[in-house]
Amino acid sequence: MERFGFAISKGRQIDYDANSRHIAGYISEREPSFRVCIECGCCAATCTTGNFTSFSLRELHILLKRGENESVRENIKKCMLCGKCTLVCPRGVNTRNVVTLARQAFQKFPADAV
């Protein structure tokens, strides 16, 4: 097979119907400020864990809202719950509580990891 210098990539569409948003719903019910997050990245910029690992709270928020829980389950364990993210959030999102609730939700709903 001859290559012409390009490759066709898989479509980057998000299938919201195929994803499980139970974890995000669980968090939203218990921490209403989760809904006002605009994913600005202030939390990720000040994150101590994020400076030394691939952890990004901004990315976790986005993935939770999309229902892409598989990678969130693994990365949420990296958070040290230091609270720097909560201090710098311009929308007042209690990010520390969001992480705590996400951990609880993953324990409560183990089948929603995919």
PDB file of N, CA and C in Angstrom:
ATOM      1  N   MET A   1       0.837  -1.183   0.000  1.00  0.00           N
ATOM      2  CA  MET A   1       0.000   0.000   0.000  1.00  0.00           C
ATOM      3  C   MET A   1       0.882   1.247   0.000  1.00  0.00           C
ATOM      4  N   GLU A   2       0.602   2.127  -0.879  1.00  0.00           N
ATOM      5  CA  GLU A   2       1.402   3.335  -1.033  1.00  0.00           C
ATOM      6  C   GLU A   2       0.869   4.459  -0.135  1.00  0.00           C
ATOM      7  N   ARG A   3       1.775   5.157   0.534  1.00  0.00           N
ATOM      8  CA  ARG A   3       1.410   6.280   1.403  1.00  0.00           C
ATOM      9  C   ARG A   3       1.674   7.587   0.662  1.00  0.00           C
ATOM     10  N   PHE A   4       0.804   8.555   0.867  1.00  0.00           N
ATOM     11  CA  PHE A   4       0.935   9.829   0.171  1.00  0.00           C
ATOM     12  C   PHE A   4       1.259  10.984   1.112  1.00  0.00           C
ATOM     13  N   GLY A   5       1.809  10.682   2.300  1.00  0.00           N
ATOM     14  CA  GLY A   5       2.219  11.746   3.212  1.00  0.00           C
ATOM     15  C   GLY A   5       1.136  12.225   4.155  1.00  0.00           C
ATOM     16  N   PHE A   6       0.022  11.534   4.214  1.00  0.00           N
ATOM     17  CA  PHE A   6      -1.026  11.909   5.148  1.00  0.00           C
ATOM     18  C   PHE A   6      -1.764  10.660   5.594  1.00  0.00           C
ATOM     19  N   ALA A   7      -2.486  10.796   6.677  1.00  0.00           N
ATOM     20  CA  ALA A   7      -3.277   9.677   7.182  1.00  0.00           C
ATOM     21  C   ALA A   7      -4.657  10.199   7.566  1.00  0.00           C
ATOM     22  N   ILE A   8      -5.645   9.375   7.419  1.00  0.00           N
ATOM     23  CA  ILE A   8      -7.000   9.755   7.797  1.00  0.00           C
ATOM     24  C   ILE A   8      -7.187   9.430   9.277  1.00  0.00           C
ATOM     25  N   SER A   9      -7.498  10.449  10.030  1.00  0.00           N
ATOM     26  CA  SER A   9      -7.675  10.283  11.476  1.00  0.00           C
ATOM     27  C   SER A   9      -9.112   9.924  11.804  1.00  0.00           C
ATOM     28  N   LYS A  10      -9.264   9.304  12.959  1.00  0.00           N
ATOM     29  CA  LYS A  10     -10.590   8.986  13.460  1.00  0.00           C
ATOM     30  C   LYS A  10     -11.327  10.292  13.793  1.00  0.00           C
ATOM     31  N   GLY A  11     -12.610  10.329  13.565  1.00  0.00           N
ATOM     32  CA  GLY A  11     -13.406  11.516  13.861  1.00  0.00           C
ATOM     33  C   GLY A  11     -13.318  11.917  15.322  1.00  0.00           C
ATOM     34  N   ARG A  12     -13.326  13.204  15.593  1.00  0.00           N
ATOM     35  CA  ARG A  12     -13.170  13.698  16.955  1.00  0.00           C
ATOM     36  C   ARG A  12     -14.510  14.143  17.544  1.00  0.00           C
ATOM     37  N   GLN A  13     -15.564  13.481  17.177  1.00  0.00           N
ATOM     38  CA  GLN A  13     -16.873  13.813  17.694  1.00  0.00           C
ATOM     39  C   GLN A  13     -17.099  13.101  19.016  1.00  0.00           C
ATOM     40  N   ILE A  14     -17.793  13.781  19.912  1.00  0.00           N
ATOM     41  CA  ILE A  14     -18.099  13.207  21.224  1.00  0.00           C
ATOM     42  C   ILE A  14     -19.513  12.654  21.171  1.00  0.00           C
ATOM     43  N   ASP A  15     -19.648  11.386  21.465  1.00  0.00           N
ATOM     44  CA  ASP A  15     -20.954  10.746  21.486  1.00  0.00           C
ATOM     45  C   ASP A  15     -21.502  10.802  22.917  1.00  0.00           C
ATOM     46  N   TYR A  16     -22.226  11.863  23.230  1.00  0.00           N
ATOM     47  CA  TYR A  16     -22.747  12.058  24.581  1.00  0.00           C
ATOM     48  C   TYR A  16     -23.725  10.957  24.984  1.00  0.00           C
ATOM     49  N   ASP A  17     -24.424  10.384  24.031  1.00  0.00           N
ATOM     50  CA  ASP A  17     -25.382   9.334  24.353  1.00  0.00           C
ATOM     51  C   ASP A  17     -24.701   8.042  24.787  1.00  0.00           C
ATOM     52  N   ALA A  18     -23.501   7.802  24.291  1.00  0.00           N
ATOM     53  CA  ALA A  18     -22.780   6.581  24.643  1.00  0.00           C
ATOM     54  C   ALA A  18     -22.045   6.713  25.972  1.00  0.00           C
ATOM     55  N   ASN A  19     -21.817   7.947  26.417  1.00  0.00           N
ATOM     56  CA  ASN A  19     -21.082   8.179  27.659  1.00  0.00           C
ATOM     57  C   ASN A  19     -22.028   8.237  28.855  1.00  0.00           C
ATOM     58  N   SER A  20     -21.516   7.804  29.993  1.00  0.00           N
ATOM     59  CA  SER A  20     -22.294   7.813  31.228  1.00  0.00           C
ATOM     60  C   SER A  20     -21.995   9.076  32.022  1.00  0.00           C
ATOM     61  N   ARG A  21     -23.011   9.890  32.245  1.00  0.00           N
ATOM     62  CA  ARG A  21     -22.819  11.125  32.998  1.00  0.00           C
ATOM     63  C   ARG A  21     -23.365  11.028  34.416  1.00  0.00           C
ATOM     64  N   HIS A  22     -23.443   9.802  34.948  1.00  0.00           N
ATOM     65  CA  HIS A  22     -23.931   9.609  36.314  1.00  0.00           C
ATOM     66  C   HIS A  22     -22.996  10.225  37.342  1.00  0.00           C
ATOM     67  N   ILE A  23     -21.712  10.156  37.109  1.00  0.00           N
ATOM     68  CA  ILE A  23     -20.736  10.705  38.049  1.00  0.00           C
ATOM     69  C   ILE A  23     -20.891  12.227  38.120  1.00  0.00           C
ATOM     70  N   ALA A  24     -21.002  12.880  36.969  1.00  0.00           N
ATOM     71  CA  ALA A  24     -21.183  14.334  36.937  1.00  0.00           C
ATOM     72  C   ALA A  24     -22.501  14.726  37.598  1.00  0.00           C
ATOM     73  N   GLY A  25     -23.540  13.940  37.398  1.00  0.00           N
ATOM     74  CA  GLY A  25     -24.821  14.205  38.049  1.00  0.00           C
ATOM     75  C   GLY A  25     -24.734  14.076  39.556  1.00  0.00           C
ATOM     76  N   TYR A  26     -24.022  13.067  40.014  1.00  0.00           N
ATOM     77  CA  TYR A  26     -23.819  12.853  41.451  1.00  0.00           C
ATOM     78  C   TYR A  26     -23.094  14.053  42.065  1.00  0.00           C
ATOM     79  N   ILE A  27     -22.070  14.534  41.372  1.00  0.00           N
ATOM     80  CA  ILE A  27     -21.306  15.683  41.866  1.00  0.00           C
ATOM     81  C   ILE A  27     -22.159  16.944  41.851  1.00  0.00           C
ATOM     82  N   SER A  28     -22.887  17.184  40.770  1.00  0.00           N
ATOM     83  CA  SER A  28     -23.709  18.389  40.639  1.00  0.00           C
ATOM     84  C   SER A  28     -24.793  18.491  41.705  1.00  0.00           C
ATOM     85  N   GLU A  29     -25.366  17.356  42.075  1.00  0.00           N
ATOM     86  CA  GLU A  29     -26.402  17.359  43.105  1.00  0.00           C
ATOM     87  C   GLU A  29     -25.849  17.783  44.459  1.00  0.00           C
ATOM     88  N   ARG A  30     -24.632  17.381  44.744  1.00  0.00           N
ATOM     89  CA  ARG A  30     -24.034  17.625  46.058  1.00  0.00           C
ATOM     90  C   ARG A  30     -23.150  18.870  46.107  1.00  0.00           C
ATOM     91  N   GLU A  31     -22.669  19.320  44.962  1.00  0.00           N
ATOM     92  CA  GLU A  31     -21.841  20.533  44.880  1.00  0.00           C
ATOM     93  C   GLU A  31     -22.297  21.364  43.682  1.00  0.00           C
ATOM     94  N   PRO A  32     -23.284  22.260  43.899  1.00  0.00           N
ATOM     95  CA  PRO A  32     -23.843  23.043  42.786  1.00  0.00           C
ATOM     96  C   PRO A  32     -22.828  23.920  42.058  1.00  0.00           C
ATOM     97  N   SER A  33     -21.750  24.298  42.711  1.00  0.00           N
ATOM     98  CA  SER A  33     -20.760  25.154  42.054  1.00  0.00           C
ATOM     99  C   SER A  33     -20.050  24.433  40.902  1.00  0.00           C
ATOM    100  N   PHE A  34     -20.124  23.112  40.854  1.00  0.00           N
ATOM    101  CA  PHE A  34     -19.533  22.336  39.763  1.00  0.00           C
ATOM    102  C   PHE A  34     -20.112  22.765  38.414  1.00  0.00           C
ATOM    103  N   ARG A  35     -21.374  23.160  38.413  1.00  0.00           N
ATOM    104  CA  ARG A  35     -22.060  23.549  37.164  1.00  0.00           C
ATOM    105  C   ARG A  35     -21.570  24.882  36.611  1.00  0.00           C
ATOM    106  N   VAL A  36     -20.999  25.749  37.459  1.00  0.00           N
ATOM    107  CA  VAL A  36     -20.600  27.074  36.986  1.00  0.00           C
ATOM    108  C   VAL A  36     -19.153  27.121  36.504  1.00  0.00           C
ATOM    109  N   CYS A  37     -18.459  25.996  36.558  1.00  0.00           N
ATOM    110  CA  CYS A  37     -17.075  25.938  36.079  1.00  0.00           C
ATOM    111  C   CYS A  37     -17.043  26.215  34.578  1.00  0.00           C
ATOM    112  N   ILE A  38     -16.176  27.138  34.175  1.00  0.00           N
ATOM    113  CA  ILE A  38     -16.055  27.476  32.752  1.00  0.00           C
ATOM    114  C   ILE A  38     -14.759  26.931  32.142  1.00  0.00           C
ATOM    115  N   GLU A  39     -14.087  26.042  32.889  1.00  0.00           N
ATOM    116  CA  GLU A  39     -12.857  25.412  32.431  1.00  0.00           C
ATOM    117  C   GLU A  39     -11.818  26.434  31.970  1.00  0.00           C
ATOM    118  N   CYS A  40     -11.608  27.472  32.769  1.00  0.00           N
ATOM    119  CA  CYS A  40     -10.664  28.538  32.413  1.00  0.00           C
ATOM    120  C   CYS A  40      -9.212  28.108  32.577  1.00  0.00           C
ATOM    121  N   GLY A  41      -8.954  27.150  33.481  1.00  0.00           N
ATOM    122  CA  GLY A  41      -7.602  26.646  33.666  1.00  0.00           C
ATOM    123  C   GLY A  41      -6.841  27.239  34.830  1.00  0.00           C
ATOM    124  N   CYS A  42      -7.441  28.142  35.594  1.00  0.00           N
ATOM    125  CA  CYS A  42      -6.751  28.706  36.758  1.00  0.00           C
ATOM    126  C   CYS A  42      -6.389  27.612  37.755  1.00  0.00           C
ATOM    127  N   CYS A  43      -7.270  26.655  37.942  1.00  0.00           N
ATOM    128  CA  CYS A  43      -7.009  25.559  38.875  1.00  0.00           C
ATOM    129  C   CYS A  43      -5.801  24.738  38.428  1.00  0.00           C
ATOM    130  N   ALA A  44      -5.731  24.469  37.150  1.00  0.00           N
ATOM    131  CA  ALA A  44      -4.629  23.669  36.622  1.00  0.00           C
ATOM    132  C   ALA A  44      -3.305  24.433  36.689  1.00  0.00           C
ATOM    133  N   ALA A  45      -3.361  25.760  36.559  1.00  0.00           N
ATOM    134  CA  ALA A  45      -2.144  26.563  36.577  1.00  0.00           C
ATOM    135  C   ALA A  45      -1.494  26.594  37.960  1.00  0.00           C
ATOM    136  N   THR A  46      -2.291  26.492  39.010  1.00  0.00           N
ATOM    137  CA  THR A  46      -1.733  26.571  40.362  1.00  0.00           C
ATOM    138  C   THR A  46      -1.537  25.203  41.007  1.00  0.00           C
ATOM    139  N   CYS A  47      -1.915  24.162  40.334  1.00  0.00           N
ATOM    140  CA  CYS A  47      -1.895  22.817  40.915  1.00  0.00           C
ATOM    141  C   CYS A  47      -0.466  22.306  41.108  1.00  0.00           C
ATOM    142  N   THR A  48      -0.144  21.962  42.343  1.00  0.00           N
ATOM    143  CA  THR A  48       1.170  21.413  42.652  1.00  0.00           C
ATOM    144  C   THR A  48       1.369  20.066  41.976  1.00  0.00           C
ATOM    145  N   THR A  49       0.374  19.210  42.046  1.00  0.00           N
ATOM    146  CA  THR A  49       0.470  17.898  41.408  1.00  0.00           C
ATOM    147  C   THR A  49       0.616  18.049  39.901  1.00  0.00           C
ATOM    148  N   GLY A  50      -0.119  18.985  39.319  1.00  0.00           N
ATOM    149  CA  GLY A  50      -0.059  19.219  37.881  1.00  0.00           C
ATOM    150  C   GLY A  50       1.301  19.700  37.400  1.00  0.00           C
ATOM    151  N   ASN A  51       2.050  20.358  38.286  1.00  0.00           N
ATOM    152  CA  ASN A  51       3.382  20.824  37.908  1.00  0.00           C
ATOM    153  C   ASN A  51       4.389  19.685  37.804  1.00  0.00           C
ATOM    154  N   PHE A  52       4.126  18.568  38.463  1.00  0.00           N
ATOM    155  CA  PHE A  52       5.074  17.468  38.491  1.00  0.00           C
ATOM    156  C   PHE A  52       4.582  16.206  37.799  1.00  0.00           C
ATOM    157  N   THR A  53       3.291  16.164  37.450  1.00  0.00           N
ATOM    158  CA  THR A  53       2.727  14.990  36.773  1.00  0.00           C
ATOM    159  C   THR A  53       1.851  15.457  35.616  1.00  0.00           C
ATOM    160  N   SER A  54       1.165  14.532  34.993  1.00  0.00           N
ATOM    161  CA  SER A  54       0.257  14.873  33.888  1.00  0.00           C
ATOM    162  C   SER A  54      -1.149  15.205  34.387  1.00  0.00           C
ATOM    163  N   PHE A  55      -1.325  15.383  35.685  1.00  0.00           N
ATOM    164  CA  PHE A  55      -2.639  15.677  36.272  1.00  0.00           C
ATOM    165  C   PHE A  55      -3.105  17.068  35.866  1.00  0.00           C
ATOM    166  N   SER A  56      -4.374  17.184  35.485  1.00  0.00           N
ATOM    167  CA  SER A  56      -4.972  18.479  35.154  1.00  0.00           C
ATOM    168  C   SER A  56      -6.415  18.485  35.633  1.00  0.00           C
ATOM    169  N   LEU A  57      -6.691  19.322  36.615  1.00  0.00           N
ATOM    170  CA  LEU A  57      -8.052  19.413  37.138  1.00  0.00           C
ATOM    171  C   LEU A  57      -9.006  19.964  36.084  1.00  0.00           C
ATOM    172  N   ARG A  58      -8.525  20.862  35.261  1.00  0.00           N
ATOM    173  CA  ARG A  58      -9.347  21.408  34.174  1.00  0.00           C
ATOM    174  C   ARG A  58      -9.798  20.287  33.238  1.00  0.00           C
ATOM    175  N   GLU A  59      -8.854  19.440  32.859  1.00  0.00           N
ATOM    176  CA  GLU A  59      -9.175  18.319  31.984  1.00  0.00           C
ATOM    177  C   GLU A  59     -10.169  17.365  32.649  1.00  0.00           C
ATOM    178  N   LEU A  60      -9.997  17.131  33.948  1.00  0.00           N
ATOM    179  CA  LEU A  60     -10.917  16.243  34.665  1.00  0.00           C
ATOM    180  C   LEU A  60     -12.336  16.801  34.673  1.00  0.00           C
ATOM    181  N   HIS A  61     -12.463  18.107  34.873  1.00  0.00           N
ATOM    182  CA  HIS A  61     -13.791  18.726  34.840  1.00  0.00           C
ATOM    183  C   HIS A  61     -14.446  18.537  33.475  1.00  0.00           C
ATOM    184  N   ILE A  62     -13.683  18.771  32.439  1.00  0.00           N
ATOM    185  CA  ILE A  62     -14.217  18.624  31.078  1.00  0.00           C
ATOM    186  C   ILE A  62     -14.646  17.176  30.824  1.00  0.00           C
ATOM    187  N   LEU A  63     -13.781  16.233  31.173  1.00  0.00           N
ATOM    188  CA  LEU A  63     -14.084  14.823  30.937  1.00  0.00           C
ATOM    189  C   LEU A  63     -15.280  14.353  31.763  1.00  0.00           C
ATOM    190  N   LEU A  64     -15.393  14.834  33.002  1.00  0.00           N
ATOM    191  CA  LEU A  64     -16.548  14.466  33.830  1.00  0.00           C
ATOM    192  C   LEU A  64     -17.846  14.964  33.203  1.00  0.00           C
ATOM    193  N   LYS A  65     -17.838  16.206  32.738  1.00  0.00           N
ATOM    194  CA  LYS A  65     -19.049  16.768  32.127  1.00  0.00           C
ATOM    195  C   LYS A  65     -19.413  16.054  30.827  1.00  0.00           C
ATOM    196  N   ARG A  66     -18.419  15.556  30.113  1.00  0.00           N
ATOM    197  CA  ARG A  66     -18.666  14.786  28.881  1.00  0.00           C
ATOM    198  C   ARG A  66     -19.109  13.359  29.177  1.00  0.00           C
ATOM    199  N   GLY A  67     -18.793  12.875  30.377  1.00  0.00           N
ATOM    200  CA  GLY A  67     -19.115  11.502  30.724  1.00  0.00           C
ATOM    201  C   GLY A  67     -18.011  10.527  30.374  1.00  0.00           C
ATOM    202  N   GLU A  68     -16.825  11.025  30.106  1.00  0.00           N
ATOM    203  CA  GLU A  68     -15.679  10.177  29.783  1.00  0.00           C
ATOM    204  C   GLU A  68     -14.946   9.857  31.086  1.00  0.00           C
ATOM    205  N   ASN A  69     -15.489   8.905  31.829  1.00  0.00           N
ATOM    206  CA  ASN A  69     -15.058   8.654  33.201  1.00  0.00           C
ATOM    207  C   ASN A  69     -13.849   7.742  33.342  1.00  0.00           C
ATOM    208  N   GLU A  70     -13.501   7.020  32.309  1.00  0.00           N
ATOM    209  CA  GLU A  70     -12.438   6.025  32.432  1.00  0.00           C
ATOM    210  C   GLU A  70     -11.096   6.648  32.823  1.00  0.00           C
ATOM    211  N   SER A  71     -10.679   7.685  32.125  1.00  0.00           N
ATOM    212  CA  SER A  71      -9.388   8.312  32.454  1.00  0.00           C
ATOM    213  C   SER A  71      -9.468   9.136  33.731  1.00  0.00           C
ATOM    214  N   VAL A  72     -10.646   9.644  34.047  1.00  0.00           N
ATOM    215  CA  VAL A  72     -10.820  10.413  35.274  1.00  0.00           C
ATOM    216  C   VAL A  72     -10.593   9.525  36.489  1.00  0.00           C
ATOM    217  N   ARG A  73     -11.104   8.318  36.427  1.00  0.00           N
ATOM    218  CA  ARG A  73     -10.966   7.377  37.554  1.00  0.00           C
ATOM    219  C   ARG A  73      -9.491   7.181  37.934  1.00  0.00           C
ATOM    220  N   GLU A  74      -8.618   7.079  36.955  1.00  0.00           N
ATOM    221  CA  GLU A  74      -7.192   6.869  37.230  1.00  0.00           C
ATOM    222  C   GLU A  74      -6.508   8.150  37.696  1.00  0.00           C
ATOM    223  N   ASN A  75      -6.827   9.270  37.083  1.00  0.00           N
ATOM    224  CA  ASN A  75      -6.132  10.523  37.393  1.00  0.00           C
ATOM    225  C   ASN A  75      -6.596  11.201  38.669  1.00  0.00           C
ATOM    226  N   ILE A  76      -7.818  10.940  39.092  1.00  0.00           N
ATOM    227  CA  ILE A  76      -8.363  11.616  40.269  1.00  0.00           C
ATOM    228  C   ILE A  76      -7.588  11.236  41.534  1.00  0.00           C
ATOM    229  N   LYS A  77      -6.933  10.083  41.490  1.00  0.00           N
ATOM    230  CA  LYS A  77      -6.159   9.612  42.641  1.00  0.00           C
ATOM    231  C   LYS A  77      -4.907  10.450  42.875  1.00  0.00           C
ATOM    232  N   LYS A  78      -4.454  11.170  41.871  1.00  0.00           N
ATOM    233  CA  LYS A  78      -3.237  11.960  41.979  1.00  0.00           C
ATOM    234  C   LYS A  78      -3.421  13.241  42.791  1.00  0.00           C
ATOM    235  N   CYS A  79      -4.637  13.729  42.900  1.00  0.00           N
ATOM    236  CA  CYS A  79      -4.904  14.995  43.596  1.00  0.00           C
ATOM    237  C   CYS A  79      -4.563  14.869  45.076  1.00  0.00           C
ATOM    238  N   MET A  80      -3.835  15.870  45.595  1.00  0.00           N
ATOM    239  CA  MET A  80      -3.428  15.876  46.998  1.00  0.00           C
ATOM    240  C   MET A  80      -4.414  16.623  47.890  1.00  0.00           C
ATOM    241  N   LEU A  81      -5.465  17.195  47.316  1.00  0.00           N
ATOM    242  CA  LEU A  81      -6.483  17.957  48.048  1.00  0.00           C
ATOM    243  C   LEU A  81      -5.873  19.113  48.840  1.00  0.00           C
ATOM    244  N   CYS A  82      -4.892  19.800  48.263  1.00  0.00           N
ATOM    245  CA  CYS A  82      -4.232  20.905  48.959  1.00  0.00           C
ATOM    246  C   CYS A  82      -5.110  22.159  49.009  1.00  0.00           C
ATOM    247  N   GLY A  83      -5.981  22.350  48.016  1.00  0.00           N
ATOM    248  CA  GLY A  83      -6.914  23.468  48.027  1.00  0.00           C
ATOM    249  C   GLY A  83      -6.462  24.711  47.295  1.00  0.00           C
ATOM    250  N   LYS A  84      -5.293  24.697  46.673  1.00  0.00           N
ATOM    251  CA  LYS A  84      -4.831  25.870  45.915  1.00  0.00           C
ATOM    252  C   LYS A  84      -5.802  26.216  44.790  1.00  0.00           C
ATOM    253  N   CYS A  85      -6.339  25.193  44.154  1.00  0.00           N
ATOM    254  CA  CYS A  85      -7.262  25.389  43.036  1.00  0.00           C
ATOM    255  C   CYS A  85      -8.521  26.130  43.484  1.00  0.00           C
ATOM    256  N   THR A  86      -8.993  25.804  44.670  1.00  0.00           N
ATOM    257  CA  THR A  86     -10.195  26.450  45.201  1.00  0.00           C
ATOM    258  C   THR A  86      -9.941  27.933  45.455  1.00  0.00           C
ATOM    259  N   LEU A  87      -8.754  28.263  45.905  1.00  0.00           N
ATOM    260  CA  LEU A  87      -8.409  29.649  46.217  1.00  0.00           C
ATOM    261  C   LEU A  87      -8.364  30.548  44.991  1.00  0.00           C
ATOM    262  N   VAL A  88      -7.949  30.014  43.847  1.00  0.00           N
ATOM    263  CA  VAL A  88      -7.771  30.847  42.654  1.00  0.00           C
ATOM    264  C   VAL A  88      -8.951  30.809  41.691  1.00  0.00           C
ATOM    265  N   CYS A  89      -9.937  29.984  41.940  1.00  0.00           N
ATOM    266  CA  CYS A  89     -11.057  29.853  40.996  1.00  0.00           C
ATOM    267  C   CYS A  89     -11.863  31.150  40.928  1.00  0.00           C
ATOM    268  N   PRO A  90     -11.959  31.761  39.735  1.00  0.00           N
ATOM    269  CA  PRO A  90     -12.708  33.019  39.606  1.00  0.00           C
ATOM    270  C   PRO A  90     -14.224  32.836  39.737  1.00  0.00           C
ATOM    271  N   ARG A  91     -14.710  31.621  39.572  1.00  0.00           N
ATOM    272  CA  ARG A  91     -16.146  31.353  39.676  1.00  0.00           C
ATOM    273  C   ARG A  91     -16.546  30.819  41.042  1.00  0.00           C
ATOM    274  N   GLY A  92     -15.589  30.612  41.921  1.00  0.00           N
ATOM    275  CA  GLY A  92     -15.888  30.125  43.261  1.00  0.00           C
ATOM    276  C   GLY A  92     -16.251  28.657  43.334  1.00  0.00           C
ATOM    277  N   VAL A  93     -15.746  27.860  42.402  1.00  0.00           N
ATOM    278  CA  VAL A  93     -16.025  26.423  42.405  1.00  0.00           C
ATOM    279  C   VAL A  93     -15.228  25.778  43.531  1.00  0.00           C
ATOM    280  N   ASN A  94     -15.901  25.001  44.340  1.00  0.00           N
ATOM    281  CA  ASN A  94     -15.233  24.288  45.427  1.00  0.00           C
ATOM    282  C   ASN A  94     -14.613  23.023  44.828  1.00  0.00           C
ATOM    283  N   THR A  95     -13.484  23.202  44.190  1.00  0.00           N
ATOM    284  CA  THR A  95     -12.866  22.108  43.441  1.00  0.00           C
ATOM    285  C   THR A  95     -12.419  20.973  44.349  1.00  0.00           C
ATOM    286  N   ARG A  96     -12.032  21.304  45.553  1.00  0.00           N
ATOM    287  CA  ARG A  96     -11.631  20.258  46.490  1.00  0.00           C
ATOM    288  C   ARG A  96     -12.798  19.327  46.798  1.00  0.00           C
ATOM    289  N   ASN A  97     -13.956  19.904  46.989  1.00  0.00           N
ATOM    290  CA  ASN A  97     -15.146  19.095  47.240  1.00  0.00           C
ATOM    291  C   ASN A  97     -15.541  18.311  45.989  1.00  0.00           C
ATOM    292  N   VAL A  98     -15.348  18.888  44.824  1.00  0.00           N
ATOM    293  CA  VAL A  98     -15.647  18.188  43.565  1.00  0.00           C
ATOM    294  C   VAL A  98     -14.789  16.927  43.456  1.00  0.00           C
ATOM    295  N   VAL A  99     -13.509  17.047  43.774  1.00  0.00           N
ATOM    296  CA  VAL A  99     -12.614  15.884  43.705  1.00  0.00           C
ATOM    297  C   VAL A  99     -13.030  14.835  44.732  1.00  0.00           C
ATOM    298  N   THR A 100     -13.351  15.280  45.937  1.00  0.00           N
ATOM    299  CA  THR A 100     -13.784  14.352  46.984  1.00  0.00           C
ATOM    300  C   THR A 100     -15.062  13.632  46.575  1.00  0.00           C
ATOM    301  N   LEU A 101     -16.020  14.368  46.021  1.00  0.00           N
ATOM    302  CA  LEU A 101     -17.277  13.762  45.578  1.00  0.00           C
ATOM    303  C   LEU A 101     -17.056  12.815  44.394  1.00  0.00           C
ATOM    304  N   ALA A 102     -16.132  13.166  43.513  1.00  0.00           N
ATOM    305  CA  ALA A 102     -15.835  12.274  42.381  1.00  0.00           C
ATOM    306  C   ALA A 102     -15.257  10.955  42.882  1.00  0.00           C
ATOM    307  N   ARG A 103     -14.389  11.034  43.863  1.00  0.00           N
ATOM    308  CA  ARG A 103     -13.827   9.804  44.437  1.00  0.00           C
ATOM    309  C   ARG A 103     -14.927   8.958  45.073  1.00  0.00           C
ATOM    310  N   GLN A 104     -15.837   9.613  45.794  1.00  0.00           N
ATOM    311  CA  GLN A 104     -16.961   8.889  46.400  1.00  0.00           C
ATOM    312  C   GLN A 104     -17.833   8.249  45.329  1.00  0.00           C
ATOM    313  N   ALA A 105     -18.112   8.993  44.284  1.00  0.00           N
ATOM    314  CA  ALA A 105     -18.978   8.500  43.210  1.00  0.00           C
ATOM    315  C   ALA A 105     -18.366   7.284  42.514  1.00  0.00           C
ATOM    316  N   PHE A 106     -17.060   7.309  42.300  1.00  0.00           N
ATOM    317  CA  PHE A 106     -16.417   6.169  41.654  1.00  0.00           C
ATOM    318  C   PHE A 106     -16.452   4.931  42.542  1.00  0.00           C
ATOM    319  N   GLN A 107     -16.445   5.127  43.839  1.00  0.00           N
ATOM    320  CA  GLN A 107     -16.583   3.984  44.747  1.00  0.00           C
ATOM    321  C   GLN A 107     -18.022   3.479  44.772  1.00  0.00           C
ATOM    322  N   LYS A 108     -18.961   4.420  44.708  1.00  0.00           N
ATOM    323  CA  LYS A 108     -20.380   4.064  44.781  1.00  0.00           C
ATOM    324  C   LYS A 108     -20.880   3.432  43.480  1.00  0.00           C
ATOM    325  N   PHE A 109     -20.390   3.933  42.344  1.00  0.00           N
ATOM    326  CA  PHE A 109     -20.818   3.455  41.024  1.00  0.00           C
ATOM    327  C   PHE A 109     -19.626   2.894  40.249  1.00  0.00           C
ATOM    328  N   PRO A 110     -19.114   1.736  40.615  1.00  0.00           N
ATOM    329  CA  PRO A 110     -17.939   1.193  39.932  1.00  0.00           C
ATOM    330  C   PRO A 110     -18.185   0.842  38.459  1.00  0.00           C
ATOM    331  N   ALA A 111     -19.419   0.581  38.091  1.00  0.00           N
ATOM    332  CA  ALA A 111     -19.732   0.204  36.710  1.00  0.00           C
ATOM    333  C   ALA A 111     -19.694   1.400  35.768  1.00  0.00           C
ATOM    334  N   ASP A 112     -19.676   2.624  36.304  1.00  0.00           N
ATOM    335  CA  ASP A 112     -19.703   3.823  35.456  1.00  0.00           C
ATOM    336  C   ASP A 112     -18.308   4.273  35.045  1.00  0.00           C
ATOM    337  N   ALA A 113     -17.336   3.421  35.166  1.00  0.00           N
ATOM    338  CA  ALA A 113     -15.977   3.807  34.808  1.00  0.00           C
ATOM    339  C   ALA A 113     -15.790   3.926  33.300  1.00  0.00           C
ATOM    340  N   VAL A 114     -16.652   3.293  32.528  1.00  0.00           N
ATOM    341  CA  VAL A 114     -16.505   3.335  31.067  1.00  0.00           C
ATOM    342  C   VAL A 114     -17.485   4.267  30.435  1.00  0.00           C
TER     343      VAL A 114
END
